[in-house]
């Protein structure tokens, strides 16, 4: 992903609300499956890390991205933004 594409996705994610929250249970297989389904539908999602989660948000972001096949767009504080191009529901056209 180029820096231009990353900047474009950051702009799109700015007004989004988190659709998933990572809590005390951290990352479970069911959580990852939910992330995969959401990425297939939306392509770009935001995840919140709750205060009771003791894991580092940057480490969580790379773990979730690796397991779901997504790319980390950004991690700011306790918010994670992920992107994965959809096979069937292509909605976001990235700049070249």
PDB file of N, CA and C in Angstrom:
ATOM      1  N   UNK A   1       0.853  -1.175   0.000  1.00  0.00           N
ATOM      2  CA  UNK A   1       0.000   0.000   0.000  1.00  0.00           C
ATOM      3  C   UNK A   1       0.900   1.240   0.000  1.00  0.00           C
ATOM      4  N   UNK A   2       0.604   2.164  -0.897  1.00  0.00           N
ATOM      5  CA  UNK A   2       1.418   3.378  -0.974  1.00  0.00           C
ATOM      6  C   UNK A   2       0.975   4.388   0.079  1.00  0.00           C
ATOM      7  N   UNK A   3       1.798   5.388   0.324  1.00  0.00           N
ATOM      8  CA  UNK A   3       1.451   6.402   1.314  1.00  0.00           C
ATOM      9  C   UNK A   3       0.236   7.216   0.862  1.00  0.00           C
ATOM     10  N   UNK A   4       0.084   7.390  -0.453  1.00  0.00           N
ATOM     11  CA  UNK A   4      -1.080   8.101  -0.990  1.00  0.00           C
ATOM     12  C   UNK A   4      -2.368   7.311  -0.712  1.00  0.00           C
ATOM     13  N   UNK A   5      -2.309   6.004  -0.909  1.00  0.00           N
ATOM     14  CA  UNK A   5      -3.471   5.147  -0.633  1.00  0.00           C
ATOM     15  C   UNK A   5      -3.779   5.138   0.863  1.00  0.00           C
ATOM     16  N   UNK A   6      -2.735   5.064   1.685  1.00  0.00           N
ATOM     17  CA  UNK A   6      -2.922   5.056   3.139  1.00  0.00           C
ATOM     18  C   UNK A   6      -3.573   6.360   3.594  1.00  0.00           C
ATOM     19  N   UNK A   7      -3.121   7.484   3.050  1.00  0.00           N
ATOM     20  CA  UNK A   7      -3.695   8.787   3.407  1.00  0.00           C
ATOM     21  C   UNK A   7      -5.164   8.867   2.995  1.00  0.00           C
ATOM     22  N   UNK A   8      -5.487   8.328   1.830  1.00  0.00           N
ATOM     23  CA  UNK A   8      -6.874   8.309   1.355  1.00  0.00           C
ATOM     24  C   UNK A   8      -7.754   7.506   2.314  1.00  0.00           C
ATOM     25  N   UNK A   9      -7.271   6.333   2.718  1.00  0.00           N
ATOM     26  CA  UNK A   9      -8.047   5.478   3.631  1.00  0.00           C
ATOM     27  C   UNK A   9      -8.179   6.118   5.010  1.00  0.00           C
ATOM     28  N   UNK A  10      -7.143   6.798   5.475  1.00  0.00           N
ATOM     29  CA  UNK A  10      -7.222   7.497   6.766  1.00  0.00           C
ATOM     30  C   UNK A  10      -8.323   8.550   6.726  1.00  0.00           C
ATOM     31  N   UNK A  11      -8.414   9.248   5.593  1.00  0.00           N
ATOM     32  CA  UNK A  11      -9.456  10.255   5.432  1.00  0.00           C
ATOM     33  C   UNK A  11     -10.851   9.648   5.470  1.00  0.00           C
ATOM     34  N   UNK A  12     -11.012   8.500   4.830  1.00  0.00           N
ATOM     35  CA  UNK A  12     -12.313   7.820   4.855  1.00  0.00           C
ATOM     36  C   UNK A  12     -12.663   7.334   6.260  1.00  0.00           C
ATOM     37  N   UNK A  13     -11.664   6.889   7.001  1.00  0.00           N
ATOM     38  CA  UNK A  13     -11.895   6.302   8.326  1.00  0.00           C
ATOM     39  C   UNK A  13     -12.131   7.353   9.406  1.00  0.00           C
ATOM     40  N   UNK A  14     -11.785   8.599   9.109  1.00  0.00           N
ATOM     41  CA  UNK A  14     -11.853   9.645  10.124  1.00  0.00           C
ATOM     42  C   UNK A  14     -13.240   9.781  10.747  1.00  0.00           C
ATOM     43  N   UNK A  15     -14.286   9.659   9.949  1.00  0.00           N
ATOM     44  CA  UNK A  15     -15.651   9.855  10.443  1.00  0.00           C
ATOM     45  C   UNK A  15     -16.344   8.559  10.842  1.00  0.00           C
ATOM     46  N   UNK A  16     -15.620   7.448  10.784  1.00  0.00           N
ATOM     47  CA  UNK A  16     -16.223   6.152  11.129  1.00  0.00           C
ATOM     48  C   UNK A  16     -16.210   5.928  12.637  1.00  0.00           C
ATOM     49  N   UNK A  17     -17.187   5.162  13.108  1.00  0.00           N
ATOM     50  CA  UNK A  17     -17.196   4.710  14.494  1.00  0.00           C
ATOM     51  C   UNK A  17     -16.682   3.277  14.535  1.00  0.00           C
ATOM     52  N   UNK A  18     -16.051   2.884  15.651  1.00  0.00           N
ATOM     53  CA  UNK A  18     -15.594   1.485  15.760  1.00  0.00           C
ATOM     54  C   UNK A  18     -16.782   0.519  15.710  1.00  0.00           C
ATOM     55  N   UNK A  19     -16.635  -0.558  14.930  1.00  0.00           N
ATOM     56  CA  UNK A  19     -17.710  -1.549  14.871  1.00  0.00           C
ATOM     57  C   UNK A  19     -17.375  -2.777  15.707  1.00  0.00           C
ATOM     58  N   UNK A  20     -16.117  -2.886  16.156  1.00  0.00           N
ATOM     59  CA  UNK A  20     -15.692  -3.942  17.061  1.00  0.00           C
ATOM     60  C   UNK A  20     -14.899  -3.324  18.194  1.00  0.00           C
ATOM     61  N   UNK A  21     -14.945  -3.965  19.363  1.00  0.00           N
ATOM     62  CA  UNK A  21     -14.134  -3.543  20.496  1.00  0.00           C
ATOM     63  C   UNK A  21     -13.380  -4.747  21.040  1.00  0.00           C
ATOM     64  N   UNK A  22     -12.096  -4.550  21.307  1.00  0.00           N
ATOM     65  CA  UNK A  22     -11.272  -5.595  21.913  1.00  0.00           C
ATOM     66  C   UNK A  22     -11.293  -5.352  23.411  1.00  0.00           C
ATOM     67  N   UNK A  23     -11.719  -6.360  24.167  1.00  0.00           N
ATOM     68  CA  UNK A  23     -11.819  -6.217  25.611  1.00  0.00           C
ATOM     69  C   UNK A  23     -10.861  -7.124  26.344  1.00  0.00           C
ATOM     70  N   UNK A  24     -11.278  -7.520  27.542  1.00  0.00           N
ATOM     71  CA  UNK A  24     -10.439  -8.327  28.414  1.00  0.00           C
ATOM     72  C   UNK A  24     -10.092  -9.677  27.795  1.00  0.00           C
ATOM     73  N   UNK A  25     -11.005 -10.244  27.008  1.00  0.00           N
ATOM     74  CA  UNK A  25     -10.768 -11.561  26.398  1.00  0.00           C
ATOM     75  C   UNK A  25      -9.755 -11.485  25.259  1.00  0.00           C
ATOM     76  N   UNK A  26      -9.396 -10.275  24.854  1.00  0.00           N
ATOM     77  CA  UNK A  26      -8.443 -10.021  23.771  1.00  0.00           C
ATOM     78  C   UNK A  26      -8.960 -10.597  22.455  1.00  0.00           C
ATOM     79  N   UNK A  27      -8.095 -11.256  21.676  1.00  0.00           N
ATOM     80  CA  UNK A  27      -8.463 -11.701  20.335  1.00  0.00           C
ATOM     81  C   UNK A  27      -8.782 -13.192  20.347  1.00  0.00           C
ATOM     82  N   UNK A  28     -10.028 -13.531  20.002  1.00  0.00           N
ATOM     83  CA  UNK A  28     -10.462 -14.928  19.950  1.00  0.00           C
ATOM     84  C   UNK A  28     -10.694 -15.313  18.493  1.00  0.00           C
ATOM     85  N   UNK A  29     -10.755 -16.614  18.188  1.00  0.00           N
ATOM     86  CA  UNK A  29     -11.059 -17.032  16.809  1.00  0.00           C
ATOM     87  C   UNK A  29     -12.398 -16.491  16.310  1.00  0.00           C
ATOM     88  N   UNK A  30     -13.389 -16.391  17.190  1.00  0.00           N
ATOM     89  CA  UNK A  30     -14.694 -15.866  16.802  1.00  0.00           C
ATOM     90  C   UNK A  30     -14.595 -14.382  16.440  1.00  0.00           C
ATOM     91  N   UNK A  31     -13.787 -13.655  17.194  1.00  0.00           N
ATOM     92  CA  UNK A  31     -13.560 -12.236  16.934  1.00  0.00           C
ATOM     93  C   UNK A  31     -12.927 -12.047  15.551  1.00  0.00           C
ATOM     94  N   UNK A  32     -11.926 -12.862  15.241  1.00  0.00           N
ATOM     95  CA  UNK A  32     -11.246 -12.788  13.942  1.00  0.00           C
ATOM     96  C   UNK A  32     -12.226 -13.112  12.809  1.00  0.00           C
ATOM     97  N   UNK A  33     -13.084 -14.098  13.019  1.00  0.00           N
ATOM     98  CA  UNK A  33     -14.074 -14.454  11.993  1.00  0.00           C
ATOM     99  C   UNK A  33     -15.026 -13.290  11.743  1.00  0.00           C
ATOM    100  N   UNK A  34     -15.443 -12.617  12.808  1.00  0.00           N
ATOM    101  CA  UNK A  34     -16.297 -11.438  12.668  1.00  0.00           C
ATOM    102  C   UNK A  34     -15.598 -10.319  11.901  1.00  0.00           C
ATOM    103  N   UNK A  35     -14.318 -10.142  12.169  1.00  0.00           N
ATOM    104  CA  UNK A  35     -13.518  -9.131  11.466  1.00  0.00           C
ATOM    105  C   UNK A  35     -13.459  -9.464   9.977  1.00  0.00           C
ATOM    106  N   UNK A  36     -13.204 -10.740   9.654  1.00  0.00           N
ATOM    107  CA  UNK A  36     -13.132 -11.158   8.241  1.00  0.00           C
ATOM    108  C   UNK A  36     -14.438 -10.848   7.507  1.00  0.00           C
ATOM    109  N   UNK A  37     -15.566 -11.187   8.152  1.00  0.00           N
ATOM    110  CA  UNK A  37     -16.871 -10.948   7.532  1.00  0.00           C
ATOM    111  C   UNK A  37     -17.121  -9.454   7.334  1.00  0.00           C
ATOM    112  N   UNK A  38     -16.765  -8.647   8.333  1.00  0.00           N
ATOM    113  CA  UNK A  38     -16.972  -7.202   8.235  1.00  0.00           C
ATOM    114  C   UNK A  38     -16.088  -6.599   7.142  1.00  0.00           C
ATOM    115  N   UNK A  39     -14.853  -7.086   7.029  1.00  0.00           N
ATOM    116  CA  UNK A  39     -13.950  -6.584   5.987  1.00  0.00           C
ATOM    117  C   UNK A  39     -14.459  -6.938   4.599  1.00  0.00           C
ATOM    118  N   UNK A  40     -15.047  -8.120   4.461  1.00  0.00           N
ATOM    119  CA  UNK A  40     -15.593  -8.530   3.150  1.00  0.00           C
ATOM    120  C   UNK A  40     -16.763  -7.617   2.762  1.00  0.00           C
ATOM    121  N   UNK A  41     -17.568  -7.220   3.741  1.00  0.00           N
ATOM    122  CA  UNK A  41     -18.726  -6.363   3.469  1.00  0.00           C
ATOM    123  C   UNK A  41     -18.331  -4.900   3.268  1.00  0.00           C
ATOM    124  N   UNK A  42     -17.409  -4.390   4.125  1.00  0.00           N
ATOM    125  CA  UNK A  42     -17.133  -2.950   4.159  1.00  0.00           C
ATOM    126  C   UNK A  42     -15.781  -2.542   3.593  1.00  0.00           C
ATOM    127  N   UNK A  43     -14.814  -3.422   3.606  1.00  0.00           N
ATOM    128  CA  UNK A  43     -13.439  -3.186   3.171  1.00  0.00           C
ATOM    129  C   UNK A  43     -12.616  -2.371   4.172  1.00  0.00           C
ATOM    130  N   UNK A  44     -13.204  -1.379   4.812  1.00  0.00           N
ATOM    131  CA  UNK A  44     -12.491  -0.519   5.754  1.00  0.00           C
ATOM    132  C   UNK A  44     -13.256  -0.517   7.072  1.00  0.00           C
ATOM    133  N   UNK A  45     -12.584  -0.898   8.156  1.00  0.00           N
ATOM    134  CA  UNK A  45     -13.262  -0.930   9.458  1.00  0.00           C
ATOM    135  C   UNK A  45     -12.379  -0.294  10.519  1.00  0.00           C
ATOM    136  N   UNK A  46     -13.039   0.139  11.588  1.00  0.00           N
ATOM    137  CA  UNK A  46     -12.334   0.707  12.731  1.00  0.00           C
ATOM    138  C   UNK A  46     -12.647  -0.164  13.947  1.00  0.00           C
ATOM    139  N   UNK A  47     -11.610  -0.436  14.734  1.00  0.00           N
ATOM    140  CA  UNK A  47     -11.734  -1.275  15.929  1.00  0.00           C
ATOM    141  C   UNK A  47     -11.274  -0.462  17.132  1.00  0.00           C
ATOM    142  N   UNK A  48     -12.027  -0.525  18.214  1.00  0.00           N
ATOM    143  CA  UNK A  48     -11.640   0.150  19.448  1.00  0.00           C
ATOM    144  C   UNK A  48     -11.013  -0.849  20.420  1.00  0.00           C
ATOM    145  N   UNK A  49     -10.043  -0.376  21.194  1.00  0.00           N
ATOM    146  CA  UNK A  49      -9.420  -1.196  22.234  1.00  0.00           C
ATOM    147  C   UNK A  49      -9.883  -0.623  23.565  1.00  0.00           C
ATOM    148  N   UNK A  50     -10.605  -1.436  24.337  1.00  0.00           N
ATOM    149  CA  UNK A  50     -11.158  -0.967  25.604  1.00  0.00           C
ATOM    150  C   UNK A  50     -10.076  -0.833  26.664  1.00  0.00           C
ATOM    151  N   UNK A  51     -10.387  -0.062  27.715  1.00  0.00           N
ATOM    152  CA  UNK A  51      -9.408   0.183  28.781  1.00  0.00           C
ATOM    153  C   UNK A  51      -9.039  -1.082  29.546  1.00  0.00           C
ATOM    154  N   UNK A  52      -9.964  -2.057  29.611  1.00  0.00           N
ATOM    155  CA  UNK A  52      -9.676  -3.275  30.369  1.00  0.00           C
ATOM    156  C   UNK A  52      -8.820  -4.268  29.584  1.00  0.00           C
ATOM    157  N   UNK A  53      -8.463  -3.952  28.349  1.00  0.00           N
ATOM    158  CA  UNK A  53      -7.574  -4.794  27.554  1.00  0.00           C
ATOM    159  C   UNK A  53      -6.145  -4.349  27.821  1.00  0.00           C
ATOM    160  N   UNK A  54      -5.322  -5.261  28.307  1.00  0.00           N
ATOM    161  CA  UNK A  54      -3.958  -4.919  28.704  1.00  0.00           C
ATOM    162  C   UNK A  54      -2.953  -5.022  27.555  1.00  0.00           C
ATOM    163  N   UNK A  55      -3.389  -5.448  26.366  1.00  0.00           N
ATOM    164  CA  UNK A  55      -2.473  -5.605  25.241  1.00  0.00           C
ATOM    165  C   UNK A  55      -2.199  -4.261  24.570  1.00  0.00           C
ATOM    166  N   UNK A  56      -1.039  -4.144  23.949  1.00  0.00           N
ATOM    167  CA  UNK A  56      -0.655  -2.937  23.226  1.00  0.00           C
ATOM    168  C   UNK A  56      -1.458  -2.846  21.930  1.00  0.00           C
ATOM    169  N   UNK A  57      -2.105  -1.715  21.651  1.00  0.00           N
ATOM    170  CA  UNK A  57      -2.912  -1.590  20.430  1.00  0.00           C
ATOM    171  C   UNK A  57      -2.131  -1.855  19.137  1.00  0.00           C
ATOM    172  N   UNK A  58      -0.855  -1.467  19.080  1.00  0.00           N
ATOM    173  CA  UNK A  58      -0.071  -1.700  17.858  1.00  0.00           C
ATOM    174  C   UNK A  58       0.181  -3.187  17.647  1.00  0.00           C
ATOM    175  N   UNK A  59       0.455  -3.906  18.731  1.00  0.00           N
ATOM    176  CA  UNK A  59       0.646  -5.354  18.622  1.00  0.00           C
ATOM    177  C   UNK A  59      -0.665  -6.035  18.250  1.00  0.00           C
ATOM    178  N   UNK A  60      -1.756  -5.585  18.853  1.00  0.00           N
ATOM    179  CA  UNK A  60      -3.081  -6.134  18.517  1.00  0.00           C
ATOM    180  C   UNK A  60      -3.397  -5.907  17.045  1.00  0.00           C
ATOM    181  N   UNK A  61      -3.098  -4.713  16.547  1.00  0.00           N
ATOM    182  CA  UNK A  61      -3.383  -4.387  15.149  1.00  0.00           C
ATOM    183  C   UNK A  61      -2.648  -5.330  14.206  1.00  0.00           C
ATOM    184  N   UNK A  62      -1.364  -5.563  14.461  1.00  0.00           N
ATOM    185  CA  UNK A  62      -0.609  -6.451  13.572  1.00  0.00           C
ATOM    186  C   UNK A  62      -1.089  -7.897  13.691  1.00  0.00           C
ATOM    187  N   UNK A  63      -1.469  -8.320  14.894  1.00  0.00           N
ATOM    188  CA  UNK A  63      -1.980  -9.674  15.094  1.00  0.00           C
ATOM    189  C   UNK A  63      -3.312  -9.874  14.359  1.00  0.00           C
ATOM    190  N   UNK A  64      -4.230  -8.922  14.519  1.00  0.00           N
ATOM    191  CA  UNK A  64      -5.538  -9.020  13.872  1.00  0.00           C
ATOM    192  C   UNK A  64      -5.380  -8.968  12.353  1.00  0.00           C
ATOM    193  N   UNK A  65      -4.517  -8.073  11.872  1.00  0.00           N
ATOM    194  CA  UNK A  65      -4.300  -7.957  10.432  1.00  0.00           C
ATOM    195  C   UNK A  65      -3.716  -9.240   9.858  1.00  0.00           C
ATOM    196  N   UNK A  66      -2.766  -9.822  10.566  1.00  0.00           N
ATOM    197  CA  UNK A  66      -2.138 -11.063  10.101  1.00  0.00           C
ATOM    198  C   UNK A  66      -3.153 -12.200  10.028  1.00  0.00           C
ATOM    199  N   UNK A  67      -3.974 -12.327  11.057  1.00  0.00           N
ATOM    200  CA  UNK A  67      -4.937 -13.432  11.107  1.00  0.00           C
ATOM    201  C   UNK A  67      -6.126 -13.242  10.174  1.00  0.00           C
ATOM    202  N   UNK A  68      -6.461 -11.988   9.874  1.00  0.00           N
ATOM    203  CA  UNK A  68      -7.625 -11.747   9.015  1.00  0.00           C
ATOM    204  C   UNK A  68      -7.222 -11.477   7.566  1.00  0.00           C
ATOM    205  N   UNK A  69      -5.943 -11.339   7.297  1.00  0.00           N
ATOM    206  CA  UNK A  69      -5.482 -11.074   5.945  1.00  0.00           C
ATOM    207  C   UNK A  69      -5.652  -9.619   5.526  1.00  0.00           C
ATOM    208  N   UNK A  70      -5.785  -8.727   6.504  1.00  0.00           N
ATOM    209  CA  UNK A  70      -5.995  -7.312   6.224  1.00  0.00           C
ATOM    210  C   UNK A  70      -4.680  -6.540   6.328  1.00  0.00           C
ATOM    211  N   UNK A  71      -4.758  -5.252   6.037  1.00  0.00           N
ATOM    212  CA  UNK A  71      -3.618  -4.363   6.182  1.00  0.00           C
ATOM    213  C   UNK A  71      -3.960  -3.307   7.225  1.00  0.00           C
ATOM    214  N   UNK A  72      -2.984  -2.982   8.068  1.00  0.00           N
ATOM    215  CA  UNK A  72      -3.182  -1.936   9.068  1.00  0.00           C
ATOM    216  C   UNK A  72      -3.019  -0.591   8.370  1.00  0.00           C
ATOM    217  N   UNK A  73      -4.061   0.229   8.437  1.00  0.00           N
ATOM    218  CA  UNK A  73      -3.991   1.573   7.864  1.00  0.00           C
ATOM    219  C   UNK A  73      -3.356   2.512   8.874  1.00  0.00           C
ATOM    220  N   UNK A  74      -3.853   2.451  10.112  1.00  0.00           N
ATOM    221  CA  UNK A  74      -3.283   3.282  11.167  1.00  0.00           C
ATOM    222  C   UNK A  74      -3.710   2.791  12.532  1.00  0.00           C
ATOM    223  N   UNK A  75      -2.922   3.164  13.531  1.00  0.00           N
ATOM    224  CA  UNK A  75      -3.259   2.942  14.932  1.00  0.00           C
ATOM    225  C   UNK A  75      -3.053   4.282  15.627  1.00  0.00           C
ATOM    226  N   UNK A  76      -4.128   4.835  16.140  1.00  0.00           N
ATOM    227  CA  UNK A  76      -4.038   6.084  16.889  1.00  0.00           C
ATOM    228  C   UNK A  76      -4.641   5.851  18.259  1.00  0.00           C
ATOM    229  N   UNK A  77      -3.820   5.966  19.281  1.00  0.00           N
ATOM    230  CA  UNK A  77      -4.295   5.730  20.640  1.00  0.00           C
ATOM    231  C   UNK A  77      -4.842   4.323  20.775  1.00  0.00           C
ATOM    232  N   UNK A  78      -6.128   4.224  21.044  1.00  0.00           N
ATOM    233  CA  UNK A  78      -6.763   2.917  21.204  1.00  0.00           C
ATOM    234  C   UNK A  78      -7.732   2.619  20.064  1.00  0.00           C
ATOM    235  N   UNK A  79      -7.465   3.184  18.895  1.00  0.00           N
ATOM    236  CA  UNK A  79      -8.276   2.929  17.699  1.00  0.00           C
ATOM    237  C   UNK A  79      -7.396   2.321  16.620  1.00  0.00           C
ATOM    238  N   UNK A  80      -7.917   1.277  15.971  1.00  0.00           N
ATOM    239  CA  UNK A  80      -7.205   0.567  14.909  1.00  0.00           C
ATOM    240  C   UNK A  80      -8.060   0.659  13.643  1.00  0.00           C
ATOM    241  N   UNK A  81      -7.430   0.980  12.524  1.00  0.00           N
ATOM    242  CA  UNK A  81      -8.134   1.017  11.238  1.00  0.00           C
ATOM    243  C   UNK A  81      -7.509  -0.040  10.335  1.00  0.00           C
ATOM    244  N   UNK A  82      -8.361  -0.932   9.804  1.00  0.00           N
ATOM    245  CA  UNK A  82      -7.905  -2.007   8.924  1.00  0.00           C
ATOM    246  C   UNK A  82      -8.577  -1.902   7.560  1.00  0.00           C
ATOM    247  N   UNK A  83      -7.844  -2.352   6.528  1.00  0.00           N
ATOM    248  CA  UNK A  83      -8.383  -2.371   5.168  1.00  0.00           C
ATOM    249  C   UNK A  83      -8.068  -3.713   4.529  1.00  0.00           C
ATOM    250  N   UNK A  84      -9.045  -4.236   3.813  1.00  0.00           N
ATOM    251  CA  UNK A  84      -8.836  -5.429   2.996  1.00  0.00           C
ATOM    252  C   UNK A  84      -9.757  -5.321   1.791  1.00  0.00           C
ATOM    253  N   UNK A  85      -9.189  -5.439   0.612  1.00  0.00           N
ATOM    254  CA  UNK A  85      -9.990  -5.357  -0.604  1.00  0.00           C
ATOM    255  C   UNK A  85     -10.962  -6.527  -0.648  1.00  0.00           C
ATOM    256  N   UNK A  86     -12.226  -6.226  -0.912  1.00  0.00           N
ATOM    257  CA  UNK A  86     -13.268  -7.244  -0.976  1.00  0.00           C
ATOM    258  C   UNK A  86     -13.217  -7.969  -2.314  1.00  0.00           C
ATOM    259  N   UNK A  87     -13.516  -9.253  -2.295  1.00  0.00           N
ATOM    260  CA  UNK A  87     -13.577 -10.016  -3.551  1.00  0.00           C
ATOM    261  C   UNK A  87     -14.869  -9.726  -4.308  1.00  0.00           C
ATOM    262  N   UNK A  88     -15.982  -9.617  -3.571  1.00  0.00           N
ATOM    263  CA  UNK A  88     -17.287  -9.504  -4.201  1.00  0.00           C
ATOM    264  C   UNK A  88     -17.930  -8.117  -4.082  1.00  0.00           C
ATOM    265  N   UNK A  89     -17.653  -7.405  -3.016  1.00  0.00           N
ATOM    266  CA  UNK A  89     -18.323  -6.115  -2.740  1.00  0.00           C
ATOM    267  C   UNK A  89     -17.360  -4.948  -2.851  1.00  0.00           C
ATOM    268  N   UNK A  90     -16.715  -4.776  -3.980  1.00  0.00           N
ATOM    269  CA  UNK A  90     -15.717  -3.706  -4.104  1.00  0.00           C
ATOM    270  C   UNK A  90     -16.395  -2.346  -4.015  1.00  0.00           C
ATOM    271  N   UNK A  91     -16.042  -1.576  -2.971  1.00  0.00           N
ATOM    272  CA  UNK A  91     -16.653  -0.266  -2.737  1.00  0.00           C
ATOM    273  C   UNK A  91     -15.641   0.864  -2.800  1.00  0.00           C
ATOM    274  N   UNK A  92     -14.429   0.603  -2.394  1.00  0.00           N
ATOM    275  CA  UNK A  92     -13.410   1.652  -2.293  1.00  0.00           C
ATOM    276  C   UNK A  92     -12.435   1.535  -3.456  1.00  0.00           C
ATOM    277  N   UNK A  93     -12.335   2.608  -4.224  1.00  0.00           N
ATOM    278  CA  UNK A  93     -11.364   2.658  -5.312  1.00  0.00           C
ATOM    279  C   UNK A  93     -10.141   3.428  -4.824  1.00  0.00           C
ATOM    280  N   UNK A  94      -9.032   2.728  -4.640  1.00  0.00           N
ATOM    281  CA  UNK A  94      -7.824   3.361  -4.146  1.00  0.00           C
ATOM    282  C   UNK A  94      -7.133   4.159  -5.255  1.00  0.00           C
ATOM    283  N   UNK A  95      -6.557   5.325  -4.913  1.00  0.00           N
ATOM    284  CA  UNK A  95      -5.788   6.064  -5.905  1.00  0.00           C
ATOM    285  C   UNK A  95      -4.509   5.292  -6.250  1.00  0.00           C
ATOM    286  N   UNK A  96      -4.007   5.483  -7.448  1.00  0.00           N
ATOM    287  CA  UNK A  96      -2.800   4.750  -7.879  1.00  0.00           C
ATOM    288  C   UNK A  96      -1.540   5.439  -7.445  1.00  0.00           C
TER     289      UNK A  96
END
